[in-house]
């Protein structure tokens, strides 16, 4: 019985290690640029100065009213310092394996009012996701999770402001990650193999 318990514990540990993959998104928590030397407040940056991200200007916050970061010490605001007069859009392209399943996760919140909204898109060889997020509220974080199957060797994640479109106040983001998801049968096969090995050892 003790052997089976050890085998089951080992299978659980291996399963955990298989699912705890590193995120394919670089700087998904917007932590790599230390706002004001870590002294709080906020600053705006050209996206070329924010690790991992491309596109419009990005504001990075340490402190804002009654809402702190969803994770870590900082979060981003999609509607940032004035840009070209177009919608604010930031994106990141990452390597993927066609046919592999991945999980997208991020946290989002409203800055000024509950009418704020943005578009989130995943694009590979075709469109993998195109979703409007308009359910976020002031002083609270909501989370979004989406499982997709890659259809290309690279995939692009894009966030685009909708309401306000080109105004400079709105749409907080934090904790952006994309991780690979093991095939459903993989963990079952692994667990069965380990338990079978335990039973064979017990009979010896």
N, C-alpha and C. Protein backbone atom coordinates (compact mmCIF):
# COMPACT_ATOMS: atom_id res chain seq x y z
N UNK A 1 0.83 -1.21 0.00
CA UNK A 1 0.00 0.00 0.00
C UNK A 1 0.86 1.25 0.00
N UNK A 2 1.96 1.20 0.79
CA UNK A 2 2.85 2.36 0.84
C UNK A 2 3.49 2.59 -0.52
N UNK A 3 3.81 1.49 -1.21
CA UNK A 3 4.43 1.62 -2.52
C UNK A 3 3.48 2.28 -3.52
N UNK A 4 2.20 1.85 -3.48
CA UNK A 4 1.22 2.45 -4.38
C UNK A 4 1.03 3.92 -4.08
N UNK A 5 1.06 4.27 -2.81
CA UNK A 5 0.93 5.69 -2.43
C UNK A 5 2.08 6.50 -2.99
N UNK A 6 3.29 5.93 -2.90
CA UNK A 6 4.46 6.63 -3.43
C UNK A 6 4.37 6.76 -4.95
N UNK A 7 3.88 5.69 -5.60
CA UNK A 7 3.74 5.74 -7.05
C UNK A 7 2.75 6.81 -7.46
N UNK A 8 1.59 6.86 -6.76
CA UNK A 8 0.57 7.85 -7.06
C UNK A 8 1.09 9.26 -6.83
N UNK A 9 1.86 9.44 -5.74
CA UNK A 9 2.43 10.76 -5.45
C UNK A 9 3.42 11.16 -6.52
N UNK A 10 4.19 10.19 -7.00
CA UNK A 10 5.15 10.47 -8.06
C UNK A 10 4.45 10.88 -9.34
N UNK A 11 3.35 10.18 -9.67
CA UNK A 11 2.59 10.52 -10.87
C UNK A 11 2.02 11.93 -10.76
N UNK A 12 1.52 12.28 -9.57
CA UNK A 12 0.95 13.62 -9.37
C UNK A 12 2.03 14.68 -9.51
N UNK A 13 3.21 14.40 -8.99
CA UNK A 13 4.31 15.36 -9.08
C UNK A 13 4.72 15.58 -10.52
N UNK A 14 4.80 14.47 -11.29
CA UNK A 14 5.18 14.59 -12.70
C UNK A 14 4.09 15.33 -13.48
N UNK A 15 2.83 15.03 -13.16
CA UNK A 15 1.73 15.74 -13.83
C UNK A 15 1.81 17.23 -13.58
N UNK A 16 2.12 17.61 -12.35
CA UNK A 16 2.23 19.02 -12.02
C UNK A 16 3.35 19.67 -12.80
N UNK A 17 4.49 18.99 -12.90
CA UNK A 17 5.62 19.56 -13.62
C UNK A 17 5.32 19.70 -15.10
N UNK A 18 4.48 18.78 -15.65
CA UNK A 18 4.14 18.85 -17.06
C UNK A 18 3.20 20.01 -17.36
N UNK A 19 2.33 20.33 -16.41
CA UNK A 19 1.37 21.40 -16.64
C UNK A 19 1.92 22.77 -16.25
N UNK A 20 2.95 22.81 -15.42
CA UNK A 20 3.51 24.09 -14.97
C UNK A 20 4.57 24.57 -15.95
N UNK A 21 4.18 24.79 -17.21
CA UNK A 21 5.10 25.23 -18.25
C UNK A 21 5.37 26.72 -18.12
N UNK A 22 6.55 27.10 -18.58
CA UNK A 22 6.87 28.53 -18.61
C UNK A 22 6.02 29.21 -19.68
N UNK A 23 5.61 30.43 -19.41
CA UNK A 23 4.80 31.18 -20.37
C UNK A 23 5.62 31.53 -21.61
N UNK A 24 4.97 31.48 -22.75
CA UNK A 24 5.60 31.87 -24.00
C UNK A 24 5.59 33.39 -24.19
N UNK A 25 4.82 34.09 -23.35
CA UNK A 25 4.74 35.54 -23.42
C UNK A 25 5.89 36.15 -22.60
N UNK A 26 6.60 37.06 -23.22
CA UNK A 26 7.69 37.77 -22.54
C UNK A 26 7.12 38.98 -21.80
N UNK A 27 7.46 39.10 -20.52
CA UNK A 27 7.06 40.27 -19.74
C UNK A 27 5.53 40.44 -19.70
N UNK A 28 4.82 39.33 -19.48
CA UNK A 28 3.36 39.37 -19.45
C UNK A 28 2.79 40.11 -18.26
N UNK A 29 3.61 40.30 -17.21
CA UNK A 29 3.17 41.06 -16.05
C UNK A 29 3.65 42.49 -16.05
N UNK A 30 4.35 42.89 -17.12
CA UNK A 30 4.86 44.27 -17.27
C UNK A 30 5.75 44.67 -16.10
N UNK A 31 6.56 43.71 -15.65
CA UNK A 31 7.43 43.93 -14.49
C UNK A 31 8.85 44.35 -14.88
N UNK A 32 9.25 44.12 -16.15
CA UNK A 32 10.65 44.29 -16.53
C UNK A 32 11.11 45.74 -16.59
N UNK A 33 10.17 46.68 -16.70
CA UNK A 33 10.50 48.10 -16.69
C UNK A 33 10.12 48.66 -15.33
N UNK A 34 11.10 49.03 -14.54
CA UNK A 34 10.87 49.43 -13.15
C UNK A 34 10.40 50.89 -13.08
N UNK A 35 9.10 51.08 -12.86
CA UNK A 35 8.52 52.43 -12.86
C UNK A 35 9.11 53.28 -11.74
N UNK A 36 9.65 54.44 -12.12
CA UNK A 36 10.19 55.40 -11.14
C UNK A 36 11.16 54.74 -10.16
N UNK A 37 11.94 53.80 -10.65
CA UNK A 37 12.91 53.14 -9.78
C UNK A 37 12.26 52.36 -8.66
N UNK A 38 11.01 51.94 -8.85
CA UNK A 38 10.32 51.17 -7.82
C UNK A 38 9.65 52.03 -6.77
N UNK A 39 9.54 53.33 -7.04
CA UNK A 39 8.97 54.25 -6.05
C UNK A 39 7.49 54.54 -6.26
N UNK A 40 6.82 53.74 -7.09
CA UNK A 40 5.38 53.88 -7.25
C UNK A 40 5.00 54.84 -8.36
N UNK A 41 3.67 55.02 -8.51
CA UNK A 41 3.15 55.92 -9.53
C UNK A 41 3.06 55.22 -10.88
N UNK A 42 3.28 55.98 -11.95
CA UNK A 42 3.17 55.44 -13.29
C UNK A 42 4.09 56.20 -14.23
N UNK A 43 4.35 55.58 -15.39
CA UNK A 43 5.09 56.22 -16.46
C UNK A 43 4.59 55.65 -17.79
N UNK A 44 4.77 56.41 -18.87
CA UNK A 44 4.43 55.88 -20.18
C UNK A 44 5.71 55.61 -20.95
N UNK A 45 5.63 54.62 -21.85
CA UNK A 45 6.81 54.18 -22.60
C UNK A 45 6.42 53.90 -24.04
N UNK A 46 7.33 54.21 -24.96
CA UNK A 46 7.20 53.68 -26.30
C UNK A 46 7.32 52.16 -26.19
N UNK A 47 6.51 51.43 -26.93
CA UNK A 47 6.51 49.98 -26.79
C UNK A 47 7.88 49.36 -27.06
N UNK A 48 8.72 50.05 -27.84
CA UNK A 48 10.06 49.52 -28.11
C UNK A 48 10.91 49.47 -26.85
N UNK A 49 10.48 50.19 -25.80
CA UNK A 49 11.21 50.18 -24.54
C UNK A 49 10.57 49.29 -23.47
N UNK A 50 9.58 48.49 -23.88
CA UNK A 50 8.92 47.55 -22.97
C UNK A 50 9.19 46.15 -23.50
N UNK A 51 9.96 45.36 -22.75
CA UNK A 51 10.36 44.03 -23.20
C UNK A 51 9.19 43.21 -23.71
N UNK A 52 9.35 42.61 -24.86
CA UNK A 52 8.39 41.66 -25.39
C UNK A 52 7.29 42.26 -26.25
N UNK A 53 6.93 43.52 -26.01
CA UNK A 53 5.74 44.09 -26.63
C UNK A 53 6.08 45.02 -27.79
N UNK A 54 5.17 45.10 -28.76
CA UNK A 54 5.28 46.01 -29.89
C UNK A 54 3.95 46.75 -30.04
N UNK A 55 3.97 47.84 -30.84
CA UNK A 55 2.74 48.56 -31.11
C UNK A 55 2.73 49.96 -30.56
N UNK A 56 1.62 50.34 -29.94
CA UNK A 56 1.41 51.69 -29.44
C UNK A 56 2.18 51.94 -28.14
N UNK A 57 2.09 53.19 -27.65
CA UNK A 57 2.64 53.51 -26.34
C UNK A 57 1.97 52.65 -25.27
N UNK A 58 2.68 52.41 -24.18
CA UNK A 58 2.15 51.61 -23.07
C UNK A 58 2.38 52.36 -21.77
N UNK A 59 1.34 52.51 -20.97
CA UNK A 59 1.51 53.04 -19.62
C UNK A 59 1.68 51.87 -18.66
N UNK A 60 2.62 52.02 -17.73
CA UNK A 60 2.84 51.00 -16.71
C UNK A 60 2.66 51.64 -15.34
N UNK A 61 1.84 50.99 -14.54
CA UNK A 61 1.45 51.49 -13.23
C UNK A 61 1.97 50.60 -12.10
N UNK A 62 2.32 51.25 -10.99
CA UNK A 62 2.56 50.51 -9.75
C UNK A 62 1.40 50.71 -8.78
N UNK A 63 0.85 51.91 -8.76
CA UNK A 63 -0.24 52.23 -7.83
C UNK A 63 -1.33 52.99 -8.57
N UNK A 64 -2.57 52.56 -8.37
CA UNK A 64 -3.69 53.34 -8.89
C UNK A 64 -4.90 53.16 -7.99
N UNK A 65 -5.24 54.19 -7.24
CA UNK A 65 -6.45 54.19 -6.43
C UNK A 65 -6.61 52.95 -5.58
N UNK A 66 -7.77 52.28 -5.72
CA UNK A 66 -8.09 51.13 -4.90
C UNK A 66 -7.74 49.80 -5.56
N UNK A 67 -7.14 49.84 -6.74
CA UNK A 67 -6.76 48.60 -7.41
C UNK A 67 -5.25 48.52 -7.55
N UNK A 68 -4.67 47.46 -7.01
CA UNK A 68 -3.26 47.20 -7.19
C UNK A 68 -3.07 46.23 -8.35
N UNK A 69 -1.85 45.84 -8.66
CA UNK A 69 -1.62 44.88 -9.73
C UNK A 69 -2.32 43.55 -9.45
N UNK A 70 -2.70 42.85 -10.50
CA UNK A 70 -3.29 41.52 -10.32
C UNK A 70 -2.23 40.57 -9.79
N UNK A 71 -1.00 40.73 -10.27
CA UNK A 71 0.12 39.94 -9.80
C UNK A 71 1.37 40.80 -9.82
N UNK A 72 2.36 40.45 -9.04
CA UNK A 72 3.60 41.20 -9.04
C UNK A 72 3.42 42.61 -8.50
N UNK A 73 4.21 43.55 -9.04
CA UNK A 73 4.23 44.92 -8.54
C UNK A 73 3.71 45.94 -9.54
N UNK A 74 3.45 45.52 -10.78
CA UNK A 74 3.06 46.49 -11.81
C UNK A 74 2.01 45.90 -12.75
N UNK A 75 1.29 46.79 -13.43
CA UNK A 75 0.37 46.38 -14.48
C UNK A 75 0.36 47.44 -15.56
N UNK A 76 -0.26 47.15 -16.71
CA UNK A 76 -0.25 48.07 -17.83
C UNK A 76 -1.62 48.70 -18.03
N UNK A 77 -1.63 49.85 -18.69
CA UNK A 77 -2.86 50.47 -19.16
C UNK A 77 -2.79 50.51 -20.68
N UNK A 78 -3.77 49.88 -21.35
CA UNK A 78 -3.78 49.82 -22.81
C UNK A 78 -3.94 51.21 -23.41
N UNK A 79 -4.89 51.99 -22.90
CA UNK A 79 -5.06 53.38 -23.36
C UNK A 79 -4.00 54.23 -22.68
N UNK A 80 -3.00 54.63 -23.44
CA UNK A 80 -1.82 55.24 -22.84
C UNK A 80 -1.65 56.69 -23.28
N UNK A 81 -0.42 57.18 -23.15
CA UNK A 81 -0.03 58.52 -23.58
C UNK A 81 -0.44 58.71 -25.04
N UNK A 82 -0.86 59.92 -25.42
CA UNK A 82 -1.33 60.15 -26.79
C UNK A 82 -0.39 59.58 -27.86
N UNK A 83 -1.01 58.99 -28.85
CA UNK A 83 -0.24 58.38 -29.94
C UNK A 83 -0.58 59.01 -31.26
N UNK A 84 -0.98 58.17 -32.22
CA UNK A 84 -1.22 58.64 -33.58
C UNK A 84 -2.65 59.14 -33.80
N UNK A 85 -3.50 59.00 -32.79
CA UNK A 85 -4.91 59.33 -32.96
C UNK A 85 -5.74 58.13 -33.34
N UNK A 86 -5.08 56.99 -33.58
CA UNK A 86 -5.78 55.74 -33.86
C UNK A 86 -6.00 54.98 -32.55
N UNK A 87 -6.69 53.85 -32.66
CA UNK A 87 -6.87 52.99 -31.48
C UNK A 87 -5.52 52.52 -30.98
N UNK A 88 -5.42 52.35 -29.67
CA UNK A 88 -4.19 51.81 -29.09
C UNK A 88 -4.16 50.30 -29.32
N UNK A 89 -3.03 49.80 -29.74
CA UNK A 89 -2.91 48.37 -30.01
C UNK A 89 -1.50 47.90 -29.65
N UNK A 90 -1.41 46.89 -28.80
CA UNK A 90 -0.12 46.29 -28.47
C UNK A 90 -0.18 44.80 -28.81
N UNK A 91 0.95 44.24 -29.20
CA UNK A 91 0.93 42.85 -29.63
C UNK A 91 2.27 42.17 -29.34
N UNK A 92 2.25 40.85 -29.39
CA UNK A 92 3.44 40.05 -29.17
C UNK A 92 3.32 38.77 -29.99
N UNK A 93 4.38 38.42 -30.72
CA UNK A 93 4.41 37.20 -31.52
C UNK A 93 5.32 36.18 -30.84
N UNK A 94 4.85 34.94 -30.75
CA UNK A 94 5.60 33.90 -30.05
C UNK A 94 5.58 32.61 -30.87
N UNK A 95 6.58 31.76 -30.66
CA UNK A 95 6.70 30.51 -31.41
C UNK A 95 5.70 29.48 -30.91
N UNK A 96 5.06 28.78 -31.85
CA UNK A 96 4.11 27.72 -31.52
C UNK A 96 4.33 26.52 -32.43
N UNK A 97 3.83 25.36 -32.00
CA UNK A 97 3.90 24.15 -32.81
C UNK A 97 2.51 23.86 -33.38
N UNK A 98 2.38 23.79 -34.69
CA UNK A 98 1.06 23.49 -35.28
C UNK A 98 0.48 22.21 -34.70
N UNK A 99 -0.78 22.27 -34.30
CA UNK A 99 -1.44 21.11 -33.71
C UNK A 99 -1.34 21.04 -32.20
N UNK A 100 -0.42 21.82 -31.62
CA UNK A 100 -0.27 21.83 -30.16
C UNK A 100 -1.36 22.70 -29.54
N UNK A 101 -1.87 22.27 -28.38
CA UNK A 101 -2.90 23.01 -27.67
C UNK A 101 -2.24 23.95 -26.66
N UNK A 102 -2.74 25.17 -26.57
CA UNK A 102 -2.21 26.18 -25.66
C UNK A 102 -3.35 26.84 -24.88
N UNK A 103 -2.99 27.43 -23.75
CA UNK A 103 -3.97 28.18 -22.96
C UNK A 103 -3.51 29.62 -22.79
N UNK A 104 -4.37 30.55 -23.20
CA UNK A 104 -4.14 31.99 -22.99
C UNK A 104 -4.83 32.41 -21.70
N UNK A 105 -4.13 33.22 -20.91
CA UNK A 105 -4.72 33.77 -19.68
C UNK A 105 -4.28 35.22 -19.54
N UNK A 106 -5.19 36.08 -19.06
CA UNK A 106 -4.80 37.43 -18.67
C UNK A 106 -5.86 37.99 -17.73
N UNK A 107 -5.46 39.01 -16.99
CA UNK A 107 -6.37 39.73 -16.10
C UNK A 107 -6.60 41.12 -16.68
N UNK A 108 -7.81 41.66 -16.47
CA UNK A 108 -8.13 42.97 -17.02
C UNK A 108 -9.10 43.70 -16.09
N UNK A 109 -9.02 45.02 -16.10
CA UNK A 109 -9.88 45.84 -15.25
C UNK A 109 -10.13 47.19 -15.88
N UNK A 110 -11.18 47.86 -15.42
CA UNK A 110 -11.51 49.20 -15.91
C UNK A 110 -10.85 50.25 -15.03
N UNK A 111 -10.45 51.35 -15.64
CA UNK A 111 -9.83 52.43 -14.86
C UNK A 111 -10.86 53.46 -14.40
N UNK A 112 -11.71 53.94 -15.33
CA UNK A 112 -12.59 55.06 -15.00
C UNK A 112 -14.06 54.66 -14.92
N UNK A 113 -14.56 53.84 -15.87
CA UNK A 113 -15.98 53.46 -15.84
C UNK A 113 -16.17 52.08 -16.44
N UNK A 114 -17.35 51.51 -16.20
CA UNK A 114 -17.62 50.14 -16.60
C UNK A 114 -17.91 49.99 -18.08
N UNK A 115 -17.87 51.09 -18.85
CA UNK A 115 -18.12 51.02 -20.29
C UNK A 115 -16.85 50.76 -21.10
N UNK A 116 -15.72 50.66 -20.44
CA UNK A 116 -14.47 50.43 -21.16
C UNK A 116 -14.49 49.06 -21.83
N UNK A 117 -13.81 48.95 -22.97
CA UNK A 117 -13.76 47.67 -23.68
C UNK A 117 -12.54 47.62 -24.59
N UNK A 118 -12.13 46.40 -24.91
CA UNK A 118 -11.01 46.20 -25.82
C UNK A 118 -11.20 44.87 -26.56
N UNK A 119 -10.48 44.72 -27.67
CA UNK A 119 -10.54 43.51 -28.47
C UNK A 119 -9.28 42.69 -28.18
N UNK A 120 -9.43 41.37 -28.01
CA UNK A 120 -8.29 40.48 -27.87
C UNK A 120 -8.31 39.51 -29.05
N UNK A 121 -7.17 39.36 -29.70
CA UNK A 121 -7.10 38.53 -30.90
C UNK A 121 -5.88 37.63 -30.85
N UNK A 122 -6.04 36.41 -31.37
CA UNK A 122 -4.95 35.48 -31.61
C UNK A 122 -4.95 35.16 -33.09
N UNK A 123 -3.79 35.32 -33.73
CA UNK A 123 -3.71 35.10 -35.16
C UNK A 123 -2.51 34.23 -35.49
N UNK A 124 -2.75 33.16 -36.23
CA UNK A 124 -1.67 32.32 -36.74
C UNK A 124 -1.75 32.35 -38.25
N UNK A 125 -1.94 31.16 -38.86
CA UNK A 125 -2.20 31.12 -40.29
C UNK A 125 -3.58 31.71 -40.58
N UNK A 126 -4.47 31.59 -39.59
CA UNK A 126 -5.80 32.20 -39.66
C UNK A 126 -6.15 32.80 -38.33
N UNK A 127 -7.39 33.21 -38.17
CA UNK A 127 -7.85 33.78 -36.91
C UNK A 127 -8.17 32.66 -35.91
N UNK A 128 -7.54 32.71 -34.75
CA UNK A 128 -7.77 31.71 -33.70
C UNK A 128 -8.68 32.25 -32.60
N UNK A 129 -8.74 33.56 -32.47
CA UNK A 129 -9.58 34.21 -31.45
C UNK A 129 -9.80 35.65 -31.85
N UNK A 130 -11.03 36.13 -31.72
CA UNK A 130 -11.35 37.53 -31.93
C UNK A 130 -12.53 37.85 -31.01
N UNK A 131 -12.21 38.40 -29.83
CA UNK A 131 -13.22 38.53 -28.79
C UNK A 131 -13.22 39.93 -28.18
N UNK A 132 -14.39 40.52 -28.01
CA UNK A 132 -14.54 41.80 -27.33
C UNK A 132 -14.67 41.55 -25.83
N UNK A 133 -13.88 42.27 -25.03
CA UNK A 133 -14.01 42.20 -23.58
C UNK A 133 -14.60 43.52 -23.11
N UNK A 134 -15.87 43.48 -22.68
CA UNK A 134 -16.56 44.70 -22.27
C UNK A 134 -17.27 44.51 -20.92
N UNK A 135 -16.82 43.52 -20.14
CA UNK A 135 -17.50 43.21 -18.88
C UNK A 135 -16.67 43.58 -17.66
N UNK A 136 -15.60 44.35 -17.85
CA UNK A 136 -14.75 44.66 -16.70
C UNK A 136 -15.28 45.87 -15.94
N UNK A 137 -14.87 45.94 -14.68
CA UNK A 137 -15.40 46.97 -13.78
C UNK A 137 -14.27 47.73 -13.09
N UNK A 138 -14.61 48.90 -12.59
CA UNK A 138 -13.65 49.74 -11.88
C UNK A 138 -13.29 49.11 -10.53
N UNK A 139 -12.01 49.22 -10.16
CA UNK A 139 -11.51 48.75 -8.86
C UNK A 139 -11.65 47.24 -8.67
N UNK A 140 -11.59 46.51 -9.78
CA UNK A 140 -11.69 45.05 -9.67
C UNK A 140 -11.03 44.41 -10.89
N UNK A 141 -10.43 43.24 -10.68
CA UNK A 141 -9.82 42.49 -11.78
C UNK A 141 -10.75 41.37 -12.22
N UNK A 142 -10.92 41.23 -13.51
CA UNK A 142 -11.57 40.07 -14.11
C UNK A 142 -10.48 39.25 -14.80
N UNK A 143 -10.76 37.97 -15.07
CA UNK A 143 -9.77 37.14 -15.74
C UNK A 143 -10.39 36.47 -16.97
N UNK A 144 -9.53 36.18 -17.93
CA UNK A 144 -9.97 35.56 -19.19
C UNK A 144 -9.06 34.39 -19.49
N UNK A 145 -9.65 33.24 -19.80
CA UNK A 145 -8.90 32.05 -20.16
C UNK A 145 -9.46 31.51 -21.47
N UNK A 146 -8.57 31.12 -22.38
CA UNK A 146 -9.02 30.61 -23.68
C UNK A 146 -8.04 29.54 -24.15
N UNK A 147 -8.55 28.39 -24.51
CA UNK A 147 -7.73 27.29 -25.01
C UNK A 147 -7.82 27.26 -26.54
N UNK A 148 -6.66 27.19 -27.20
CA UNK A 148 -6.65 27.18 -28.66
C UNK A 148 -5.61 26.19 -29.18
N UNK A 149 -5.78 25.79 -30.42
CA UNK A 149 -4.84 24.90 -31.09
C UNK A 149 -4.08 25.69 -32.15
N UNK A 150 -2.77 25.70 -32.05
CA UNK A 150 -1.96 26.48 -32.98
C UNK A 150 -2.07 25.91 -34.39
N UNK A 151 -2.07 26.79 -35.39
CA UNK A 151 -2.12 26.37 -36.78
C UNK A 151 -0.92 26.87 -37.57
N UNK A 152 0.11 27.35 -36.83
CA UNK A 152 1.28 27.92 -37.49
C UNK A 152 2.49 27.82 -36.55
N UNK A 153 3.67 28.06 -37.08
CA UNK A 153 4.89 28.04 -36.26
C UNK A 153 5.05 29.31 -35.44
N UNK A 154 4.18 30.29 -35.67
CA UNK A 154 4.17 31.49 -34.82
C UNK A 154 2.74 31.99 -34.69
N UNK A 155 2.45 32.57 -33.53
CA UNK A 155 1.12 33.10 -33.24
C UNK A 155 1.27 34.50 -32.66
N UNK A 156 0.36 35.40 -33.01
CA UNK A 156 0.41 36.77 -32.51
C UNK A 156 -0.80 37.06 -31.63
N UNK A 157 -0.52 37.57 -30.44
CA UNK A 157 -1.54 38.01 -29.49
C UNK A 157 -1.63 39.53 -29.55
N UNK A 158 -2.85 40.06 -29.74
CA UNK A 158 -3.03 41.51 -29.89
C UNK A 158 -4.15 42.00 -29.00
N UNK A 159 -3.91 43.12 -28.31
CA UNK A 159 -4.94 43.83 -27.55
C UNK A 159 -5.16 45.19 -28.22
N UNK A 160 -6.43 45.54 -28.51
CA UNK A 160 -6.74 46.79 -29.18
C UNK A 160 -7.87 47.52 -28.45
N UNK A 161 -7.66 48.79 -28.17
CA UNK A 161 -8.67 49.57 -27.45
C UNK A 161 -9.90 49.79 -28.33
N UNK A 162 -11.09 49.68 -27.73
CA UNK A 162 -12.36 49.91 -28.43
C UNK A 162 -13.10 51.08 -27.79
N UNK A 163 -13.28 51.02 -26.45
CA UNK A 163 -13.92 52.11 -25.71
C UNK A 163 -13.10 52.42 -24.46
N UNK A 164 -12.51 53.60 -24.34
CA UNK A 164 -12.41 54.60 -25.40
C UNK A 164 -11.46 54.13 -26.50
N UNK A 165 -11.72 54.58 -27.73
CA UNK A 165 -10.91 54.12 -28.86
C UNK A 165 -9.52 54.74 -28.83
N UNK A 166 -9.48 56.08 -28.82
CA UNK A 166 -8.18 56.74 -28.82
C UNK A 166 -8.00 57.66 -27.61
N UNK A 167 -8.92 57.60 -26.65
CA UNK A 167 -8.74 58.35 -25.41
C UNK A 167 -7.62 57.74 -24.58
N UNK A 168 -7.10 58.50 -23.64
CA UNK A 168 -5.90 58.07 -22.92
C UNK A 168 -6.19 57.49 -21.54
N UNK A 169 -7.43 57.16 -21.25
CA UNK A 169 -7.78 56.62 -19.93
C UNK A 169 -8.60 55.34 -20.12
N UNK A 170 -8.06 54.19 -19.69
CA UNK A 170 -8.88 52.99 -19.72
C UNK A 170 -8.15 51.70 -20.00
N UNK A 171 -8.77 50.59 -19.60
CA UNK A 171 -8.37 49.23 -19.95
C UNK A 171 -7.02 48.81 -19.37
N UNK A 172 -7.07 48.36 -18.11
CA UNK A 172 -5.89 47.81 -17.45
C UNK A 172 -5.66 46.36 -17.87
N UNK A 173 -4.39 45.94 -17.95
CA UNK A 173 -4.01 44.57 -18.28
C UNK A 173 -2.92 44.09 -17.35
N UNK A 174 -2.92 42.79 -17.04
CA UNK A 174 -1.87 42.22 -16.21
C UNK A 174 -1.88 40.69 -16.36
N UNK A 175 -0.77 40.07 -15.98
CA UNK A 175 -0.68 38.62 -15.89
C UNK A 175 -0.92 37.88 -17.20
N UNK A 176 -0.45 38.43 -18.31
CA UNK A 176 -0.69 37.80 -19.61
C UNK A 176 0.24 36.60 -19.77
N UNK A 177 -0.33 35.45 -20.10
CA UNK A 177 0.50 34.25 -20.29
C UNK A 177 -0.11 33.34 -21.34
N UNK A 178 0.75 32.58 -21.99
CA UNK A 178 0.35 31.50 -22.89
C UNK A 178 1.21 30.30 -22.55
N UNK A 179 0.59 29.17 -22.21
CA UNK A 179 1.33 27.95 -21.87
C UNK A 179 0.78 26.79 -22.69
N UNK A 180 1.63 25.81 -22.95
CA UNK A 180 1.19 24.62 -23.68
C UNK A 180 0.40 23.72 -22.74
N UNK A 181 -0.55 23.00 -23.30
CA UNK A 181 -1.41 22.11 -22.52
C UNK A 181 -1.14 20.67 -22.95
N UNK A 182 -0.80 19.75 -22.01
CA UNK A 182 -0.56 18.35 -22.38
C UNK A 182 -1.82 17.74 -22.98
N UNK A 183 -1.63 16.82 -23.93
CA UNK A 183 -2.76 16.10 -24.50
C UNK A 183 -3.48 15.35 -23.39
N UNK A 184 -4.83 15.30 -23.42
CA UNK A 184 -5.60 14.67 -22.33
C UNK A 184 -5.16 13.27 -21.98
N UNK A 185 -4.75 12.48 -22.97
CA UNK A 185 -4.38 11.09 -22.70
C UNK A 185 -3.00 10.93 -22.11
N UNK A 186 -2.17 11.97 -22.20
CA UNK A 186 -0.78 11.84 -21.77
C UNK A 186 -0.66 11.54 -20.29
N UNK A 187 -1.37 12.30 -19.46
CA UNK A 187 -1.28 12.11 -18.02
C UNK A 187 -1.88 10.78 -17.59
N UNK A 188 -2.97 10.35 -18.27
CA UNK A 188 -3.57 9.07 -17.93
C UNK A 188 -2.64 7.92 -18.24
N UNK A 189 -1.97 8.00 -19.39
CA UNK A 189 -1.02 6.96 -19.75
C UNK A 189 0.16 6.92 -18.79
N UNK A 190 0.63 8.10 -18.40
CA UNK A 190 1.74 8.17 -17.47
C UNK A 190 1.36 7.59 -16.12
N UNK A 191 0.19 8.00 -15.61
CA UNK A 191 -0.25 7.48 -14.32
C UNK A 191 -0.45 5.98 -14.36
N UNK A 192 -1.05 5.46 -15.44
CA UNK A 192 -1.27 4.03 -15.55
C UNK A 192 0.01 3.25 -15.62
N UNK A 193 0.99 3.79 -16.33
CA UNK A 193 2.28 3.11 -16.44
C UNK A 193 2.98 3.04 -15.09
N UNK A 194 2.94 4.13 -14.33
CA UNK A 194 3.60 4.14 -13.03
C UNK A 194 2.92 3.20 -12.04
N UNK A 195 1.58 3.20 -12.04
CA UNK A 195 0.86 2.31 -11.14
C UNK A 195 1.09 0.85 -11.52
N UNK A 196 1.11 0.58 -12.85
CA UNK A 196 1.39 -0.77 -13.31
C UNK A 196 2.77 -1.23 -12.88
N UNK A 197 3.74 -0.33 -12.93
CA UNK A 197 5.09 -0.65 -12.49
C UNK A 197 5.10 -0.98 -11.01
N UNK A 198 4.32 -0.25 -10.22
CA UNK A 198 4.24 -0.51 -8.79
C UNK A 198 3.64 -1.86 -8.50
N UNK A 199 2.60 -2.23 -9.26
CA UNK A 199 1.96 -3.54 -9.04
C UNK A 199 2.91 -4.67 -9.40
N UNK A 200 3.68 -4.51 -10.47
CA UNK A 200 4.62 -5.56 -10.85
C UNK A 200 5.68 -5.75 -9.79
N UNK A 201 6.16 -4.60 -9.24
CA UNK A 201 7.18 -4.70 -8.19
C UNK A 201 6.64 -5.38 -6.94
N UNK A 202 5.34 -5.14 -6.68
CA UNK A 202 4.73 -5.71 -5.49
C UNK A 202 4.64 -7.23 -5.58
N UNK A 203 4.48 -7.77 -6.82
CA UNK A 203 4.34 -9.20 -7.01
C UNK A 203 5.69 -9.92 -6.91
N UNK A 204 6.77 -9.23 -7.09
CA UNK A 204 8.09 -9.86 -7.03
C UNK A 204 8.42 -10.34 -5.63
